[in-house]
Amino acid sequence: MHKLLHAQKAFTGVEDPETKERLSACQAAEKGWIPQDSAMRYMQAQYFTGGLVDPSKTGRLTVEEALATNMIDEEAAKSLKDEASFPAELLDPITKEMITYKQAMDRCHKDVTTGLLLLPAISTEGQHSIILHLPIQYHPQPSLTPHKKPHTFRC
């Protein structure tokens, strides 16, 4: 349940523990409620799944729209568009290689019933190989204590 709540924050926003206001990942990082690298990972996941989330509005924003509304700055926009710079933090259960979130999504199969993206995995039971499909999960671990690191970009 704890992991699900962290993943949910990437898409519903982060609650400011002082004001109870719903903040975007960028805003939460600017206020020091989550680390800058977690904010970037949240935005990367948002970017690959339909656009950046502004909790004060319905729907998703493209990087260009987020830039135009000053939700992010040029440096953040450039970082989001540079997929080659994304960290390889997920382990592919078949190849055992470290892959990026985008690579994991590209390797997934969409479940026809639920619409979930499922990452193939192989289990060897006795002499039989069984192909399993595991839902991909993305869990940067924010904390709710202020982080006072220098920011590398302005959200």
C-alpha atoms as a PDB file:
ATOM      1  CA  MET A   1       0.000   0.000   0.000  1.00  0.00           C
ATOM      2  CA  HIS A   2       2.861   2.367   0.891  1.00  0.00           C
ATOM      3  CA  LYS A   3       4.434   1.899  -2.577  1.00  0.00           C
ATOM      4  CA  LEU A   4       1.100   2.541  -4.273  1.00  0.00           C
ATOM      5  CA  LEU A   5       0.713   5.842  -2.428  1.00  0.00           C
ATOM      6  CA  HIS A   6       4.152   6.995  -3.600  1.00  0.00           C
ATOM      7  CA  ALA A   7       3.323   6.110  -7.208  1.00  0.00           C
ATOM      8  CA  GLN A   8      -0.049   7.840  -6.912  1.00  0.00           C
ATOM      9  CA  LYS A   9       1.659  11.117  -5.953  1.00  0.00           C
ATOM     10  CA  ALA A  10       3.281  11.208  -9.378  1.00  0.00           C
ATOM     11  CA  PHE A  11      -0.182  11.559 -10.912  1.00  0.00           C
ATOM     12  CA  THR A  12      -2.358  13.269  -8.332  1.00  0.00           C
ATOM     13  CA  GLY A  13       0.201  15.696  -6.958  1.00  0.00           C
ATOM     14  CA  VAL A  14       1.861  16.018  -3.575  1.00  0.00           C
ATOM     15  CA  GLU A  15      -0.045  17.443  -0.631  1.00  0.00           C
ATOM     16  CA  ASP A  16       1.719  20.351   1.046  1.00  0.00           C
ATOM     17  CA  PRO A  17       1.750  19.249   4.707  1.00  0.00           C
ATOM     18  CA  GLU A  18       1.461  22.861   5.875  1.00  0.00           C
ATOM     19  CA  THR A  19      -1.253  24.274   3.608  1.00  0.00           C
ATOM     20  CA  LYS A  20      -2.891  20.985   2.508  1.00  0.00           C
ATOM     21  CA  GLU A  21      -2.752  22.389  -1.048  1.00  0.00           C
ATOM     22  CA  ARG A  22      -2.200  19.875  -3.872  1.00  0.00           C
ATOM     23  CA  LEU A  23       1.153  20.635  -5.562  1.00  0.00           C
ATOM     24  CA  SER A  24       2.667  19.461  -8.832  1.00  0.00           C
ATOM     25  CA  ALA A  25       5.926  17.522  -8.606  1.00  0.00           C
ATOM     26  CA  CYS A  26       7.803  20.699  -9.581  1.00  0.00           C
ATOM     27  CA  GLN A  27       6.076  22.841  -6.993  1.00  0.00           C
ATOM     28  CA  ALA A  28       6.705  20.251  -4.276  1.00  0.00           C
ATOM     29  CA  ALA A  29      10.414  20.191  -5.158  1.00  0.00           C
ATOM     30  CA  GLU A  30      10.604  23.992  -5.243  1.00  0.00           C
ATOM     31  CA  LYS A  31       9.083  24.139  -1.759  1.00  0.00           C
ATOM     32  CA  GLY A  32      11.502  21.435  -0.583  1.00  0.00           C
ATOM     33  CA  TRP A  33       8.866  18.770   0.156  1.00  0.00           C
ATOM     34  CA  ILE A  34      10.369  16.206  -2.206  1.00  0.00           C
ATOM     35  CA  PRO A  35      13.911  15.846  -3.547  1.00  0.00           C
ATOM     36  CA  GLN A  36      14.652  17.394  -6.943  1.00  0.00           C
ATOM     37  CA  ASP A  37      15.555  14.007  -8.457  1.00  0.00           C
ATOM     38  CA  SER A  38      12.223  12.535  -7.324  1.00  0.00           C
ATOM     39  CA  ALA A  39      10.373  15.450  -8.944  1.00  0.00           C
ATOM     40  CA  MET A  40      12.209  14.803 -12.204  1.00  0.00           C
ATOM     41  CA  ARG A  41      11.382  11.080 -12.042  1.00  0.00           C
ATOM     42  CA  TYR A  42       7.721  11.878 -11.400  1.00  0.00           C
ATOM     43  CA  MET A  43       7.712  14.234 -14.393  1.00  0.00           C
ATOM     44  CA  GLN A  44       9.431  11.616 -16.567  1.00  0.00           C
ATOM     45  CA  ALA A  45       6.734   9.076 -15.677  1.00  0.00           C
ATOM     46  CA  GLN A  46       4.048  11.673 -16.406  1.00  0.00           C
ATOM     47  CA  TYR A  47       5.709  12.590 -19.705  1.00  0.00           C
ATOM     48  CA  PHE A  48       5.714   8.971 -20.898  1.00  0.00           C
ATOM     49  CA  THR A  49       2.157   8.280 -19.808  1.00  0.00           C
ATOM     50  CA  GLY A  50       0.356  11.173 -21.457  1.00  0.00           C
ATOM     51  CA  GLY A  51       1.738  14.495 -20.292  1.00  0.00           C
ATOM     52  CA  LEU A  52       2.650  16.535 -17.241  1.00  0.00           C
ATOM     53  CA  VAL A  53       0.159  16.777 -14.409  1.00  0.00           C
ATOM     54  CA  ASP A  54      -0.996  20.123 -13.077  1.00  0.00           C
ATOM     55  CA  PRO A  55      -3.139  19.156 -10.057  1.00  0.00           C
ATOM     56  CA  SER A  56      -5.055  22.429 -10.293  1.00  0.00           C
ATOM     57  CA  LYS A  57      -6.373  21.531 -13.754  1.00  0.00           C
ATOM     58  CA  THR A  58      -8.013  18.599 -15.472  1.00  0.00           C
ATOM     59  CA  GLY A  59      -6.048  16.700 -18.067  1.00  0.00           C
ATOM     60  CA  ARG A  60      -2.398  16.604 -18.984  1.00  0.00           C
ATOM     61  CA  LEU A  61      -0.036  19.185 -20.422  1.00  0.00           C
ATOM     62  CA  THR A  62       2.582  18.688 -23.101  1.00  0.00           C
ATOM     63  CA  VAL A  63       6.098  19.824 -22.266  1.00  0.00           C
ATOM     64  CA  GLU A  64       5.503  22.850 -24.496  1.00  0.00           C
ATOM     65  CA  GLU A  65       2.249  23.744 -22.693  1.00  0.00           C
ATOM     66  CA  ALA A  66       3.931  23.351 -19.301  1.00  0.00           C
ATOM     67  CA  LEU A  67       6.747  25.597 -20.497  1.00  0.00           C
ATOM     68  CA  ALA A  68       4.295  28.199 -21.870  1.00  0.00           C
ATOM     69  CA  THR A  69       2.412  28.322 -18.534  1.00  0.00           C
ATOM     70  CA  ASN A  70       5.671  28.562 -16.529  1.00  0.00           C
ATOM     71  CA  MET A  71       4.992  25.253 -14.839  1.00  0.00           C
ATOM     72  CA  ILE A  72       8.547  24.264 -15.861  1.00  0.00           C
ATOM     73  CA  ASP A  73      11.506  26.182 -17.248  1.00  0.00           C
ATOM     74  CA  GLU A  74      13.612  25.654 -20.391  1.00  0.00           C
ATOM     75  CA  GLU A  75      16.133  23.451 -18.577  1.00  0.00           C
ATOM     76  CA  ALA A  76      13.434  21.129 -17.194  1.00  0.00           C
ATOM     77  CA  ALA A  77      11.803  20.959 -20.636  1.00  0.00           C
ATOM     78  CA  LYS A  78      15.133  20.088 -22.233  1.00  0.00           C
ATOM     79  CA  SER A  79      15.763  17.391 -19.607  1.00  0.00           C
ATOM     80  CA  LEU A  80      12.344  15.838 -20.192  1.00  0.00           C
ATOM     81  CA  LYS A  81      12.853  15.728 -23.954  1.00  0.00           C
ATOM     82  CA  ASP A  82      16.329  14.155 -23.627  1.00  0.00           C
ATOM     83  CA  GLU A  83      15.262  10.531 -23.195  1.00  0.00           C
ATOM     84  CA  ALA A  84      18.881   9.359 -23.526  1.00  0.00           C
ATOM     85  CA  SER A  85      19.675  11.024 -20.186  1.00  0.00           C
ATOM     86  CA  PHE A  86      16.966   9.158 -18.243  1.00  0.00           C
ATOM     87  CA  PRO A  87      18.396   6.829 -15.607  1.00  0.00           C
ATOM     88  CA  ALA A  88      18.184   3.056 -16.100  1.00  0.00           C
ATOM     89  CA  GLU A  89      16.660   2.154 -12.717  1.00  0.00           C
ATOM     90  CA  LEU A  90      14.396  -0.786 -13.527  1.00  0.00           C
ATOM     91  CA  LEU A  91      15.518  -4.401 -13.859  1.00  0.00           C
ATOM     92  CA  ASP A  92      14.162  -6.259 -16.886  1.00  0.00           C
ATOM     93  CA  PRO A  93      13.087  -9.619 -15.407  1.00  0.00           C
ATOM     94  CA  ILE A  94      13.962 -11.507 -18.615  1.00  0.00           C
ATOM     95  CA  THR A  95      17.250  -9.947 -19.759  1.00  0.00           C
ATOM     96  CA  LYS A  96      18.388  -8.890 -16.254  1.00  0.00           C
ATOM     97  CA  GLU A  97      19.581  -5.585 -17.715  1.00  0.00           C
ATOM     98  CA  MET A  98      18.892  -2.220 -16.140  1.00  0.00           C
ATOM     99  CA  ILE A  99      16.455  -0.257 -18.295  1.00  0.00           C
ATOM    100  CA  THR A 100      14.711   3.103 -18.250  1.00  0.00           C
ATOM    101  CA  TYR A 101      11.016   3.592 -17.547  1.00  0.00           C
ATOM    102  CA  LYS A 102      10.477   4.307 -21.255  1.00  0.00           C
ATOM    103  CA  GLN A 103      12.264   1.090 -22.268  1.00  0.00           C
ATOM    104  CA  ALA A 104      10.106  -0.851 -19.792  1.00  0.00           C
ATOM    105  CA  MET A 105       6.937   0.676 -21.244  1.00  0.00           C
ATOM    106  CA  ASP A 106       8.097  -0.187 -24.766  1.00  0.00           C
ATOM    107  CA  ARG A 107       8.557  -3.842 -23.719  1.00  0.00           C
ATOM    108  CA  CYS A 108       5.136  -4.089 -22.098  1.00  0.00           C
ATOM    109  CA  HIS A 109       1.997  -5.745 -23.397  1.00  0.00           C
ATOM    110  CA  LYS A 110      -1.340  -4.057 -22.786  1.00  0.00           C
ATOM    111  CA  ASP A 111      -3.871  -6.194 -20.922  1.00  0.00           C
ATOM    112  CA  VAL A 112      -7.062  -6.217 -22.987  1.00  0.00           C
ATOM    113  CA  THR A 113      -9.322  -6.351 -19.927  1.00  0.00           C
ATOM    114  CA  THR A 114      -7.742  -3.759 -17.647  1.00  0.00           C
ATOM    115  CA  GLY A 115      -5.642  -1.676 -20.029  1.00  0.00           C
ATOM    116  CA  LEU A 116      -2.660  -2.076 -17.697  1.00  0.00           C
ATOM    117  CA  LEU A 117       0.825  -2.234 -19.167  1.00  0.00           C
ATOM    118  CA  LEU A 118       2.366  -5.560 -18.195  1.00  0.00           C
ATOM    119  CA  LEU A 119       6.086  -6.298 -18.419  1.00  0.00           C
ATOM    120  CA  PRO A 120       6.804  -9.880 -19.547  1.00  0.00           C
ATOM    121  CA  ALA A 121       8.736 -12.118 -17.153  1.00  0.00           C
ATOM    122  CA  ILE A 122       9.740 -15.771 -17.374  1.00  0.00           C
ATOM    123  CA  SER A 123       9.291 -18.328 -14.627  1.00  0.00           C
ATOM    124  CA  THR A 124      10.728 -21.804 -14.914  1.00  0.00           C
ATOM    125  CA  GLU A 125       8.512 -24.283 -13.105  1.00  0.00           C
ATOM    126  CA  GLY A 126      10.114 -27.712 -13.348  1.00  0.00           C
ATOM    127  CA  GLN A 127      10.769 -28.321 -17.022  1.00  0.00           C
ATOM    128  CA  HIS A 128       8.214 -25.835 -18.314  1.00  0.00           C
ATOM    129  CA  SER A 129       8.754 -22.173 -19.026  1.00  0.00           C
ATOM    130  CA  ILE A 130       5.843 -19.920 -18.216  1.00  0.00           C
ATOM    131  CA  ILE A 131       5.641 -16.366 -19.476  1.00  0.00           C
ATOM    132  CA  LEU A 132       4.248 -14.094 -16.793  1.00  0.00           C
ATOM    133  CA  HIS A 133       3.318 -10.460 -17.163  1.00  0.00           C
ATOM    134  CA  LEU A 134       4.117  -8.176 -14.271  1.00  0.00           C
ATOM    135  CA  PRO A 135       2.602  -4.700 -13.971  1.00  0.00           C
ATOM    136  CA  ILE A 136       5.358  -2.107 -14.151  1.00  0.00           C
ATOM    137  CA  GLN A 137       5.637   0.072 -11.118  1.00  0.00           C
ATOM    138  CA  TYR A 138       7.499   3.295 -10.617  1.00  0.00           C
ATOM    139  CA  HIS A 139       8.330   4.212  -7.035  1.00  0.00           C
ATOM    140  CA  PRO A 140      10.547   7.207  -6.375  1.00  0.00           C
ATOM    141  CA  GLN A 141      10.597   7.603  -2.601  1.00  0.00           C
ATOM    142  CA  PRO A 142       9.745  11.155  -1.507  1.00  0.00           C
ATOM    143  CA  SER A 143       9.702  12.208   2.092  1.00  0.00           C
ATOM    144  CA  LEU A 144       7.645  14.949   3.639  1.00  0.00           C
ATOM    145  CA  THR A 145      10.517  16.740   5.303  1.00  0.00           C
ATOM    146  CA  PRO A 146      11.899  19.743   3.460  1.00  0.00           C
ATOM    147  CA  HIS A 147      14.921  19.095   1.262  1.00  0.00           C
ATOM    148  CA  LYS A 148      17.146  22.142   0.971  1.00  0.00           C
ATOM    149  CA  LYS A 149      19.393  21.089  -1.934  1.00  0.00           C
ATOM    150  CA  PRO A 150      20.252  23.642  -4.615  1.00  0.00           C
ATOM    151  CA  HIS A 151      17.893  23.279  -7.540  1.00  0.00           C
ATOM    152  CA  THR A 152      19.310  22.465 -10.946  1.00  0.00           C
ATOM    153  CA  PHE A 153      16.185  23.715 -12.707  1.00  0.00           C
ATOM    154  CA  ARG A 154      13.166  25.795 -11.863  1.00  0.00           C
ATOM    155  CA  CYS A 155       9.843  24.084 -12.132  1.00  0.00           C
END
